N, C-alpha and C. Protein backbone atom coordinates (compact mmCIF):
# COMPACT_ATOMS: atom_id res chain seq x y z
N MET A 1 1.02 -1.20 -0.26
CA MET A 1 -0.18 0.48 0.17
C MET A 1 0.86 1.08 -0.09
N THR A 2 0.79 2.34 -1.07
CA THR A 2 1.46 3.39 -0.92
C THR A 2 0.87 4.18 0.55
N SER A 3 1.90 5.46 0.23
CA SER A 3 1.46 6.12 1.47
C SER A 3 0.09 7.33 1.09
N GLN A 4 -0.21 7.48 -0.45
CA GLN A 4 -0.79 8.19 -0.95
C GLN A 4 -2.48 7.12 -0.61
N GLN A 5 -2.58 6.13 -0.69
CA GLN A 5 -3.63 4.95 -0.66
C GLN A 5 -3.76 5.01 0.69
N SER A 6 -3.15 4.56 1.68
CA SER A 6 -2.49 4.88 3.43
C SER A 6 -3.75 5.99 3.81
N SER A 7 -3.44 7.36 3.44
CA SER A 7 -3.68 8.31 3.64
C SER A 7 -5.06 8.24 3.84
N TRP A 8 -5.25 8.34 2.39
CA TRP A 8 -7.20 8.23 1.50
C TRP A 8 -7.89 6.99 2.38
N SER A 9 -7.24 6.11 3.26
CA SER A 9 -7.99 4.61 3.49
C SER A 9 -8.30 5.73 5.24
N VAL A 10 -6.90 6.41 6.18
CA VAL A 10 -7.25 6.88 7.20
C VAL A 10 -8.37 7.92 6.83
N ALA A 11 -8.34 8.94 6.11
CA ALA A 11 -9.23 9.82 6.10
C ALA A 11 -10.51 9.01 5.62
N LYS A 12 -10.73 8.25 5.48
CA LYS A 12 -12.21 7.38 4.77
C LYS A 12 -13.12 7.03 6.02
N ARG A 13 -12.14 6.37 6.66
CA ARG A 13 -12.28 5.77 8.28
C ARG A 13 -12.84 6.93 9.42
N THR A 14 -11.57 8.02 9.42
CA THR A 14 -12.62 8.95 10.02
C THR A 14 -13.54 9.74 9.57
N THR A 15 -13.89 9.90 8.28
CA THR A 15 -15.13 10.54 7.48
C THR A 15 -16.28 9.85 8.32
N MET A 16 -16.04 8.19 8.14
CA MET A 16 -17.49 7.33 8.44
C MET A 16 -17.49 7.17 10.03
N GLN A 17 -15.97 7.51 10.73
CA GLN A 17 -16.83 7.23 12.09
C GLN A 17 -17.18 8.67 12.30
N THR A 18 -17.08 9.99 11.89
CA THR A 18 -17.89 11.07 12.06
C THR A 18 -19.24 11.13 11.70
N TYR A 19 -19.43 10.18 10.39
CA TYR A 19 -20.45 10.36 10.22
C TYR A 19 -21.55 9.50 10.68
N LEU A 20 -21.14 8.50 11.34
CA LEU A 20 -21.68 7.31 12.18
C LEU A 20 -22.18 7.59 13.63
N GLU A 21 -20.84 8.45 14.16
CA GLU A 21 -21.09 8.84 15.82
C GLU A 21 -22.58 9.68 16.09
N LYS A 22 -22.86 9.72 17.20
CA LYS A 22 -23.91 10.44 17.31
C LYS A 22 -23.45 11.80 17.46
N VAL A 23 -24.33 12.61 17.64
CA VAL A 23 -24.09 14.26 18.01
C VAL A 23 -24.75 14.73 19.45
N SER A 24 -23.89 15.15 20.30
CA SER A 24 -24.48 15.42 21.84
C SER A 24 -25.23 16.87 21.84
N PRO A 25 -26.02 16.97 22.40
CA PRO A 25 -26.93 17.98 22.63
C PRO A 25 -26.19 19.01 22.93
N PRO A 26 -26.63 20.13 22.64
CA PRO A 26 -25.56 21.31 22.88
C PRO A 26 -25.66 21.68 24.41
N SER A 27 -26.82 21.53 25.44
CA SER A 27 -26.22 21.33 26.63
C SER A 27 -27.01 20.22 27.64
N ALA A 28 -27.28 20.96 28.56
CA ALA A 28 -27.90 19.60 29.63
C ALA A 28 -29.39 19.67 29.67
N ASP A 29 -29.99 20.76 29.17
CA ASP A 29 -31.43 21.19 29.24
C ASP A 29 -32.51 20.04 28.55
N ARG A 30 -33.10 19.84 29.70
CA ARG A 30 -34.05 18.41 29.52
C ARG A 30 -34.80 18.44 28.01
N ARG A 31 -34.98 19.72 27.64
CA ARG A 31 -35.69 19.87 26.32
C ARG A 31 -35.05 19.25 25.24
N TRP A 32 -34.20 19.12 25.01
CA TRP A 32 -33.07 18.74 24.18
C TRP A 32 -33.35 16.82 24.29
N LYS A 33 -34.40 16.61 25.34
CA LYS A 33 -34.01 15.29 25.50
C LYS A 33 -35.82 15.04 24.40
N LEU A 34 -36.51 15.85 24.56
CA LEU A 34 -38.09 15.87 23.39
C LEU A 34 -37.20 15.99 22.12
N VAL A 35 -36.19 16.87 21.76
CA VAL A 35 -35.62 16.87 20.17
C VAL A 35 -35.25 15.53 20.20
N SER A 36 -34.38 14.91 20.88
CA SER A 36 -33.93 13.82 20.29
C SER A 36 -34.84 12.37 20.15
N ALA A 37 -35.80 12.44 21.24
CA ALA A 37 -36.53 11.82 20.91
C ALA A 37 -37.56 12.06 19.49
N THR A 38 -37.76 12.86 19.22
CA THR A 38 -38.26 13.13 17.82
C THR A 38 -37.57 12.13 16.71
N MET A 39 -36.33 13.01 16.89
CA MET A 39 -35.38 12.12 15.91
C MET A 39 -35.04 10.53 16.15
N ARG A 40 -35.14 10.06 17.46
CA ARG A 40 -35.29 8.47 17.85
C ARG A 40 -36.09 7.94 16.65
N ARG A 41 -37.65 8.40 17.12
CA ARG A 41 -38.46 7.96 16.60
C ARG A 41 -38.58 7.66 15.05
N HIS A 42 -37.58 8.79 14.57
CA HIS A 42 -37.90 8.48 13.08
C HIS A 42 -36.41 8.15 12.38
N GLY A 43 -35.82 7.70 13.47
CA GLY A 43 -34.76 6.62 13.03
C GLY A 43 -33.63 7.24 12.58
N TYR A 44 -33.59 8.67 13.05
CA TYR A 44 -32.62 9.87 12.63
C TYR A 44 -32.79 9.86 11.08
N GLN A 45 -33.35 9.80 10.51
CA GLN A 45 -33.49 9.85 8.88
C GLN A 45 -33.98 11.58 8.87
N ARG A 46 -33.39 11.88 7.52
CA ARG A 46 -33.33 13.09 7.12
C ARG A 46 -34.93 13.71 6.78
N GLN A 47 -35.53 13.06 6.55
CA GLN A 47 -36.66 13.29 6.53
C GLN A 47 -37.78 13.65 7.66
N ALA A 48 -36.98 13.62 8.56
CA ALA A 48 -37.76 14.14 10.14
C ALA A 48 -37.31 15.72 10.26
N LEU A 49 -36.61 15.90 9.17
CA LEU A 49 -36.07 17.45 9.70
C LEU A 49 -37.32 18.33 9.99
N ILE A 50 -38.03 18.26 9.24
CA ILE A 50 -39.29 19.53 9.93
C ILE A 50 -40.00 19.28 11.07
N GLU A 51 -40.09 17.93 11.20
CA GLU A 51 -40.99 17.76 12.45
C GLU A 51 -39.75 17.88 14.02
N THR A 52 -38.77 17.49 13.54
CA THR A 52 -37.52 17.85 14.76
C THR A 52 -37.41 19.21 14.82
N LEU A 53 -37.39 19.90 13.81
CA LEU A 53 -37.62 21.55 13.65
C LEU A 53 -38.88 22.16 14.55
N HIS A 54 -40.04 21.74 13.98
CA HIS A 54 -41.29 21.88 14.96
C HIS A 54 -40.68 21.52 17.02
N THR A 55 -40.39 20.75 17.09
CA THR A 55 -40.31 20.25 18.14
C THR A 55 -39.13 20.96 19.03
N VAL A 56 -37.87 21.42 18.40
CA VAL A 56 -37.34 22.79 18.92
C VAL A 56 -37.92 24.04 19.05
N GLN A 57 -38.92 23.92 18.20
CA GLN A 57 -39.39 25.66 18.16
C GLN A 57 -40.59 25.13 19.29
N GLN A 58 -41.38 24.07 19.54
CA GLN A 58 -42.36 24.15 20.51
C GLN A 58 -41.54 24.26 21.84
N SER A 59 -40.06 23.54 22.06
CA SER A 59 -39.69 23.27 23.08
C SER A 59 -38.88 24.60 23.45
N PHE A 60 -38.09 25.37 22.73
CA PHE A 60 -37.11 26.74 23.08
C PHE A 60 -38.10 28.03 22.57
N GLY A 61 -39.27 27.67 22.25
CA GLY A 61 -39.68 29.05 21.59
C GLY A 61 -39.09 29.82 20.13
N TYR A 62 -38.07 28.96 19.63
CA TYR A 62 -37.32 29.79 18.40
C TYR A 62 -36.20 28.79 18.00
N LEU A 63 -35.86 29.04 16.62
CA LEU A 63 -34.75 27.89 16.63
C LEU A 63 -33.34 28.79 16.28
N ASP A 64 -32.45 28.92 17.12
CA ASP A 64 -31.18 29.70 17.28
C ASP A 64 -29.81 28.80 16.48
N GLN A 65 -28.88 29.29 16.01
CA GLN A 65 -27.61 28.44 15.29
C GLN A 65 -27.55 27.20 16.26
N VAL A 66 -27.45 27.35 17.22
CA VAL A 66 -27.14 26.31 17.90
C VAL A 66 -27.50 25.08 17.83
N SER A 67 -29.27 25.22 18.06
CA SER A 67 -30.40 24.21 17.56
C SER A 67 -29.90 23.71 16.19
N LEU A 68 -30.12 24.63 15.24
CA LEU A 68 -29.94 24.26 13.73
C LEU A 68 -29.26 23.25 13.57
N ARG A 69 -27.82 23.46 14.18
CA ARG A 69 -26.25 22.67 14.28
C ARG A 69 -26.94 21.45 14.41
N PHE A 70 -27.15 21.88 15.55
CA PHE A 70 -27.37 19.96 16.29
C PHE A 70 -28.54 19.20 15.47
N VAL A 71 -29.46 19.82 15.01
CA VAL A 71 -30.33 19.00 14.63
C VAL A 71 -29.74 18.62 12.87
N ALA A 72 -29.00 19.33 12.49
CA ALA A 72 -28.56 19.11 11.14
C ALA A 72 -27.69 17.86 11.29
N GLY A 73 -26.93 18.29 12.54
CA GLY A 73 -25.82 17.25 12.30
C GLY A 73 -26.18 16.04 12.62
N SER A 74 -27.13 15.80 13.65
CA SER A 74 -27.93 14.63 14.19
C SER A 74 -28.69 14.16 13.21
N LEU A 75 -29.17 14.55 12.19
CA LEU A 75 -29.89 14.11 10.81
C LEU A 75 -28.78 13.95 9.96
N ARG A 76 -27.73 14.52 9.89
CA ARG A 76 -27.01 14.35 8.51
C ARG A 76 -27.40 15.09 7.63
N VAL A 77 -27.83 16.45 7.96
CA VAL A 77 -28.25 17.24 6.58
C VAL A 77 -27.20 18.24 6.46
N PRO A 78 -27.23 18.49 5.56
CA PRO A 78 -26.11 20.30 5.36
C PRO A 78 -26.82 21.37 6.67
N LEU A 79 -25.94 21.99 7.05
CA LEU A 79 -26.63 23.42 8.15
C LEU A 79 -27.57 24.29 7.10
N SER A 80 -26.85 24.29 6.11
CA SER A 80 -27.78 25.05 4.63
C SER A 80 -29.18 24.58 4.58
N GLN A 81 -29.37 23.55 4.31
CA GLN A 81 -30.95 22.83 4.20
C GLN A 81 -31.37 22.98 5.11
N ALA A 82 -30.79 23.10 6.89
CA ALA A 82 -31.71 23.24 7.88
C ALA A 82 -32.11 24.78 8.01
N PHE A 83 -31.33 25.93 7.64
CA PHE A 83 -31.53 26.93 7.59
C PHE A 83 -32.39 27.23 6.50
N GLY A 84 -32.55 26.35 5.25
CA GLY A 84 -33.29 27.12 4.28
C GLY A 84 -34.65 26.86 5.15
N VAL A 85 -34.95 25.48 5.58
CA VAL A 85 -36.25 25.11 5.68
C VAL A 85 -36.73 26.08 6.94
N ALA A 86 -35.90 26.56 7.97
CA ALA A 86 -36.24 27.52 8.62
C ALA A 86 -36.35 28.92 8.45
N THR A 87 -36.00 28.81 7.25
CA THR A 87 -36.45 30.50 7.18
C THR A 87 -37.63 30.29 5.88
N PHE A 88 -37.68 29.42 5.16
CA PHE A 88 -38.68 29.45 3.99
C PHE A 88 -40.20 28.90 5.03
N TYR A 89 -40.39 28.20 5.72
CA TYR A 89 -41.47 27.88 6.57
C TYR A 89 -41.81 29.14 7.64
N HIS A 90 -43.03 29.77 7.54
CA HIS A 90 -43.59 30.75 7.92
C HIS A 90 -43.47 30.68 10.05
N PHE A 91 -43.92 29.28 10.06
CA PHE A 91 -44.24 28.63 11.54
C PHE A 91 -42.79 29.19 12.15
N PHE A 92 -41.58 28.69 11.52
CA PHE A 92 -40.16 29.18 12.29
C PHE A 92 -39.75 30.49 12.83
N SER A 93 -39.35 30.19 13.59
CA SER A 93 -38.79 31.81 14.18
C SER A 93 -37.34 31.96 14.54
N LEU A 94 -36.52 32.52 14.02
CA LEU A 94 -35.10 32.76 14.26
C LEU A 94 -34.56 33.52 15.18
N LYS A 95 -35.59 33.82 15.92
CA LYS A 95 -35.30 34.91 17.07
C LYS A 95 -36.38 34.72 18.36
N PRO A 96 -35.84 35.27 19.53
CA PRO A 96 -36.87 34.77 20.53
C PRO A 96 -38.07 35.41 20.61
N PRO A 97 -38.98 34.67 20.56
CA PRO A 97 -40.42 35.79 20.93
C PRO A 97 -40.59 36.86 21.98
N GLY A 98 -41.56 37.37 22.01
CA GLY A 98 -41.90 38.65 23.12
C GLY A 98 -42.44 37.58 24.07
N ASP A 99 -42.70 38.38 25.11
CA ASP A 99 -43.67 37.81 26.33
C ASP A 99 -44.86 37.83 25.55
N HIS A 100 -45.55 38.77 24.67
CA HIS A 100 -46.81 38.37 24.08
C HIS A 100 -46.30 38.83 22.72
N THR A 101 -47.58 37.85 21.91
CA THR A 101 -47.61 37.99 20.55
C THR A 101 -48.85 38.35 19.96
N CYS A 102 -48.53 38.83 18.56
CA CYS A 102 -49.91 39.49 18.03
C CYS A 102 -49.52 39.25 16.49
N VAL A 103 -50.41 38.56 15.95
CA VAL A 103 -50.47 37.67 14.82
C VAL A 103 -51.65 38.23 14.20
N VAL A 104 -51.26 38.99 12.88
CA VAL A 104 -52.24 39.05 11.35
C VAL A 104 -52.51 38.89 10.78
N CYS A 105 -53.64 38.26 10.17
CA CYS A 105 -53.40 37.33 9.29
C CYS A 105 -53.52 38.55 7.79
N MET A 106 -53.05 37.87 6.95
CA MET A 106 -53.15 38.79 5.76
C MET A 106 -53.77 37.89 4.43
N GLY A 107 -54.61 36.71 4.86
CA GLY A 107 -55.14 36.45 3.94
C GLY A 107 -56.08 37.25 2.87
N THR A 108 -56.73 37.05 1.73
CA THR A 108 -57.47 37.83 1.17
C THR A 108 -58.52 38.38 1.83
N ALA A 109 -59.43 37.56 2.28
CA ALA A 109 -60.76 38.34 2.89
C ALA A 109 -59.90 39.23 4.21
N CYS A 110 -59.03 38.96 5.37
CA CYS A 110 -58.77 39.72 5.74
C CYS A 110 -57.92 41.07 5.39
N TYR A 111 -57.02 40.78 4.30
CA TYR A 111 -56.51 42.21 3.43
C TYR A 111 -57.94 43.18 3.24
N ILE A 112 -58.84 42.73 2.33
CA ILE A 112 -59.64 43.31 1.77
C ILE A 112 -60.19 44.07 3.28
N LYS A 113 -60.61 42.97 4.36
CA LYS A 113 -61.20 43.90 5.48
C LYS A 113 -60.90 44.30 5.93
N GLY A 114 -59.21 45.20 5.96
CA GLY A 114 -58.30 46.03 6.81
C GLY A 114 -57.52 45.27 7.38
N ALA A 115 -56.78 44.19 7.01
CA ALA A 115 -55.03 44.07 7.68
C ALA A 115 -54.10 44.87 7.51
N PRO A 116 -54.29 45.88 6.60
CA PRO A 116 -53.09 47.05 6.04
C PRO A 116 -53.58 48.10 6.72
N ALA A 117 -54.37 48.39 7.36
CA ALA A 117 -55.06 49.41 8.61
C ALA A 117 -54.20 49.05 10.00
N LEU A 118 -54.37 47.53 10.42
CA LEU A 118 -53.83 46.98 11.25
C LEU A 118 -52.43 47.13 11.38
N LEU A 119 -51.87 47.03 10.31
CA LEU A 119 -50.45 46.98 10.05
C LEU A 119 -49.69 48.44 10.37
N ALA A 120 -50.58 49.28 9.98
CA ALA A 120 -50.25 50.27 10.02
C ALA A 120 -50.24 50.98 11.56
N GLU A 121 -50.97 50.72 12.13
CA GLU A 121 -51.68 50.85 13.54
C GLU A 121 -50.51 49.91 14.33
N ALA A 122 -49.82 49.04 13.73
CA ALA A 122 -48.72 48.91 15.08
C ALA A 122 -47.66 49.19 14.88
N GLU A 123 -47.45 49.59 13.73
CA GLU A 123 -46.41 50.60 13.57
C GLU A 123 -46.19 51.98 13.96
N LYS A 124 -47.28 52.54 13.64
CA LYS A 124 -47.65 53.72 14.58
C LYS A 124 -47.45 53.89 15.99
N SER A 125 -48.75 53.06 16.43
CA SER A 125 -48.60 52.91 17.81
C SER A 125 -47.26 52.16 18.96
N ALA A 126 -47.15 51.17 18.06
CA ALA A 126 -45.81 50.05 18.56
C ALA A 126 -44.74 50.45 18.35
N GLY A 127 -44.30 51.08 16.93
CA GLY A 127 -43.14 51.05 16.69
C GLY A 127 -43.11 49.91 15.91
N LEU A 128 -43.73 48.69 15.49
CA LEU A 128 -43.77 47.51 15.43
C LEU A 128 -43.60 47.23 13.83
N ARG A 129 -42.77 46.61 13.01
CA ARG A 129 -43.24 46.02 11.98
C ARG A 129 -43.27 44.54 11.45
N PRO A 130 -43.82 43.59 10.77
CA PRO A 130 -44.30 42.40 10.92
C PRO A 130 -42.55 41.98 10.95
N GLY A 131 -42.33 40.78 12.05
CA GLY A 131 -41.42 40.42 12.07
C GLY A 131 -40.38 40.98 13.08
N GLU A 132 -40.64 41.94 13.87
CA GLU A 132 -39.81 42.43 14.99
C GLU A 132 -40.45 42.37 16.38
N THR A 133 -39.82 42.59 17.08
CA THR A 133 -40.05 42.34 18.73
C THR A 133 -39.48 43.64 18.91
N THR A 134 -40.46 43.99 20.12
CA THR A 134 -40.27 45.60 21.10
C THR A 134 -38.57 45.22 21.78
N ALA A 135 -38.16 46.06 21.90
CA ALA A 135 -36.65 46.19 22.50
C ALA A 135 -36.79 45.72 23.49
N ASP A 136 -37.59 45.85 24.52
CA ASP A 136 -37.44 45.54 26.06
C ASP A 136 -38.15 43.78 26.41
N GLY A 137 -38.42 43.19 24.99
CA GLY A 137 -39.04 41.82 24.56
C GLY A 137 -40.17 41.74 25.10
N LYS A 138 -41.25 42.29 25.66
CA LYS A 138 -42.55 42.15 25.98
C LYS A 138 -43.60 42.11 24.63
N VAL A 139 -43.41 42.26 23.47
CA VAL A 139 -44.03 42.03 22.47
C VAL A 139 -43.73 42.08 20.92
N SER A 140 -44.02 40.84 20.47
CA SER A 140 -43.51 40.07 19.00
C SER A 140 -44.79 40.84 18.31
N PHE A 141 -44.51 41.08 16.88
CA PHE A 141 -45.51 41.24 15.97
C PHE A 141 -45.45 40.48 14.67
N LEU A 142 -46.32 40.12 14.02
CA LEU A 142 -46.11 39.12 13.16
C LEU A 142 -47.14 39.17 12.02
N THR A 143 -47.21 38.28 10.85
CA THR A 143 -47.87 38.29 10.34
C THR A 143 -48.37 36.92 9.86
N ALA A 144 -49.24 36.39 9.09
CA ALA A 144 -49.22 35.24 8.84
C ALA A 144 -50.14 34.87 7.48
N ARG A 145 -49.94 34.07 6.70
CA ARG A 145 -50.95 34.69 5.13
C ARG A 145 -51.97 34.12 5.57
N CYS A 146 -52.45 33.00 6.13
CA CYS A 146 -53.91 32.84 6.12
C CYS A 146 -54.33 32.25 7.31
N LEU A 147 -55.12 32.66 8.49
CA LEU A 147 -55.65 31.71 9.43
C LEU A 147 -56.52 30.60 9.41
N GLY A 148 -57.38 31.04 8.28
CA GLY A 148 -58.29 29.98 8.37
C GLY A 148 -59.50 30.14 9.05
N SER A 149 -59.74 31.72 9.06
CA SER A 149 -60.57 32.43 10.14
C SER A 149 -61.73 33.54 9.07
N CYS A 150 -61.41 33.35 8.03
CA CYS A 150 -62.18 34.04 6.93
C CYS A 150 -62.97 34.55 7.26
N SER A 151 -64.35 34.34 7.96
CA SER A 151 -65.75 34.75 8.13
C SER A 151 -65.46 35.89 9.36
N LEU A 152 -64.02 35.83 10.12
CA LEU A 152 -63.68 36.83 11.21
C LEU A 152 -63.05 37.78 10.88
N ALA A 153 -62.54 38.11 9.61
CA ALA A 153 -61.84 39.10 9.20
C ALA A 153 -62.07 40.54 9.13
N PRO A 154 -61.02 41.21 9.66
CA PRO A 154 -59.92 40.91 9.63
C PRO A 154 -59.58 40.04 10.86
N ALA A 155 -58.62 39.05 11.30
CA ALA A 155 -58.50 38.19 12.16
C ALA A 155 -57.23 38.52 12.75
N VAL A 156 -57.03 38.32 14.29
CA VAL A 156 -55.71 38.00 14.61
C VAL A 156 -55.94 37.36 15.79
N VAL A 157 -54.50 37.03 15.60
CA VAL A 157 -54.21 36.16 17.03
C VAL A 157 -53.52 36.84 17.93
N PHE A 158 -53.93 36.97 19.57
CA PHE A 158 -53.17 37.65 20.23
C PHE A 158 -52.81 36.28 21.18
N ASP A 159 -51.66 36.41 21.57
CA ASP A 159 -51.17 35.40 22.51
C ASP A 159 -51.43 33.87 22.14
N GLY A 160 -52.32 33.70 21.09
CA GLY A 160 -53.00 32.27 21.04
C GLY A 160 -54.21 32.21 20.69
N GLU A 161 -54.99 32.78 21.07
CA GLU A 161 -56.46 33.05 20.86
C GLU A 161 -56.84 34.22 19.95
N VAL A 162 -57.46 33.20 18.74
CA VAL A 162 -57.96 34.13 17.54
C VAL A 162 -59.10 35.11 17.79
N ALA A 163 -58.90 36.67 17.54
CA ALA A 163 -59.98 37.68 17.50
C ALA A 163 -60.40 37.86 16.27
N GLY A 164 -61.48 38.15 16.14
CA GLY A 164 -62.04 38.48 15.07
C GLY A 164 -62.85 39.74 14.40
N LYS A 165 -63.00 40.32 13.16
CA LYS A 165 -63.35 41.40 13.61
C LYS A 165 -62.43 42.65 13.93
N VAL A 166 -61.05 42.25 14.20
CA VAL A 166 -60.05 43.52 14.92
C VAL A 166 -59.78 45.01 14.16
N GLY A 167 -60.11 45.93 14.85
CA GLY A 167 -60.41 46.95 14.28
C GLY A 167 -58.66 47.67 14.90
N PRO A 168 -58.41 48.86 14.02
CA PRO A 168 -57.01 49.52 15.14
C PRO A 168 -57.05 49.90 16.07
N VAL A 169 -58.13 50.30 16.38
CA VAL A 169 -58.55 50.99 18.19
C VAL A 169 -58.14 49.88 19.12
N GLU A 170 -58.52 48.86 18.88
CA GLU A 170 -58.51 47.55 19.56
C GLU A 170 -57.20 46.87 19.43
N LEU A 171 -56.51 46.55 18.17
CA LEU A 171 -55.02 46.75 18.26
C LEU A 171 -54.31 47.40 19.26
N GLN A 172 -54.49 48.17 18.75
CA GLN A 172 -53.70 49.62 19.65
C GLN A 172 -53.85 49.63 20.98
N SER A 173 -55.30 49.12 21.51
CA SER A 173 -55.27 49.00 23.17
C SER A 173 -54.88 47.70 23.44
N ARG A 174 -55.04 46.66 22.87
CA ARG A 174 -53.81 45.50 23.28
C ARG A 174 -52.63 45.65 23.65
N LEU A 175 -52.25 46.31 22.30
CA LEU A 175 -50.46 46.76 21.99
C LEU A 175 -49.97 47.51 23.65
N GLN A 176 -50.90 48.53 23.69
CA GLN A 176 -50.21 49.25 24.39
C GLN A 176 -50.32 48.76 26.08
N ARG A 177 -51.55 47.86 26.38
CA ARG A 177 -52.00 47.15 27.65
C ARG A 177 -50.32 46.48 27.52
N TRP A 178 -50.10 45.75 26.65
CA TRP A 178 -49.09 44.56 26.74
C TRP A 178 -47.73 45.03 27.11
N ALA A 179 -47.41 46.49 26.20
CA ALA A 179 -46.07 47.01 26.57
C ALA A 179 -46.04 47.81 28.14
N THR A 180 -47.24 48.47 28.92
CA THR A 180 -46.96 48.94 29.97
C THR A 180 -47.36 47.87 30.97
N HIS A 181 -47.70 46.90 31.39
CA HIS A 181 -47.83 46.00 32.09
C HIS A 181 -46.87 44.73 32.10
N ALA A 182 -46.58 44.15 33.30
CA ALA A 182 -45.50 43.48 33.49
C ALA A 182 -46.66 41.94 32.86
N SER A 183 -45.49 41.05 32.70
CA SER A 183 -45.99 39.92 32.04
C SER A 183 -46.85 38.94 33.16
């Protein structure tokens, strides 16, 4: 065996070991056990990427670089693929959420019945544009393509509860109440 063949053989073995080695969770936080259980349930298959990212999102509230690296390494997918999925789907967030969240539906019915006025009000009264969180971390403001509550247009989700026929005054009132009260 030549030295070049020997080097290739060692590199191949090292690559295989790295490929087959289990990736350790980023910390001792118990929530990583939930994430690992999701991946284990799916046999650490690449197809488990979206479901695993959902588990991370539910467990931690958002996807950070550490969690994306852990999931990508564990499922043996490129980090760029994990990041691509995380940024493509609206459900995923790369930033920690505020104490309170406001999601304005931008579906056709909601748009026609006043969603743009709600966006303008959020920017005017709270200085928030879609995707932003106040500097103090109290309020996150988001939009959704459709909430499926067209009969309630314009619909808004305040801390997980759908409210219908929301006007700018009601939105402003809720945002101001959240901004002035402790969580």
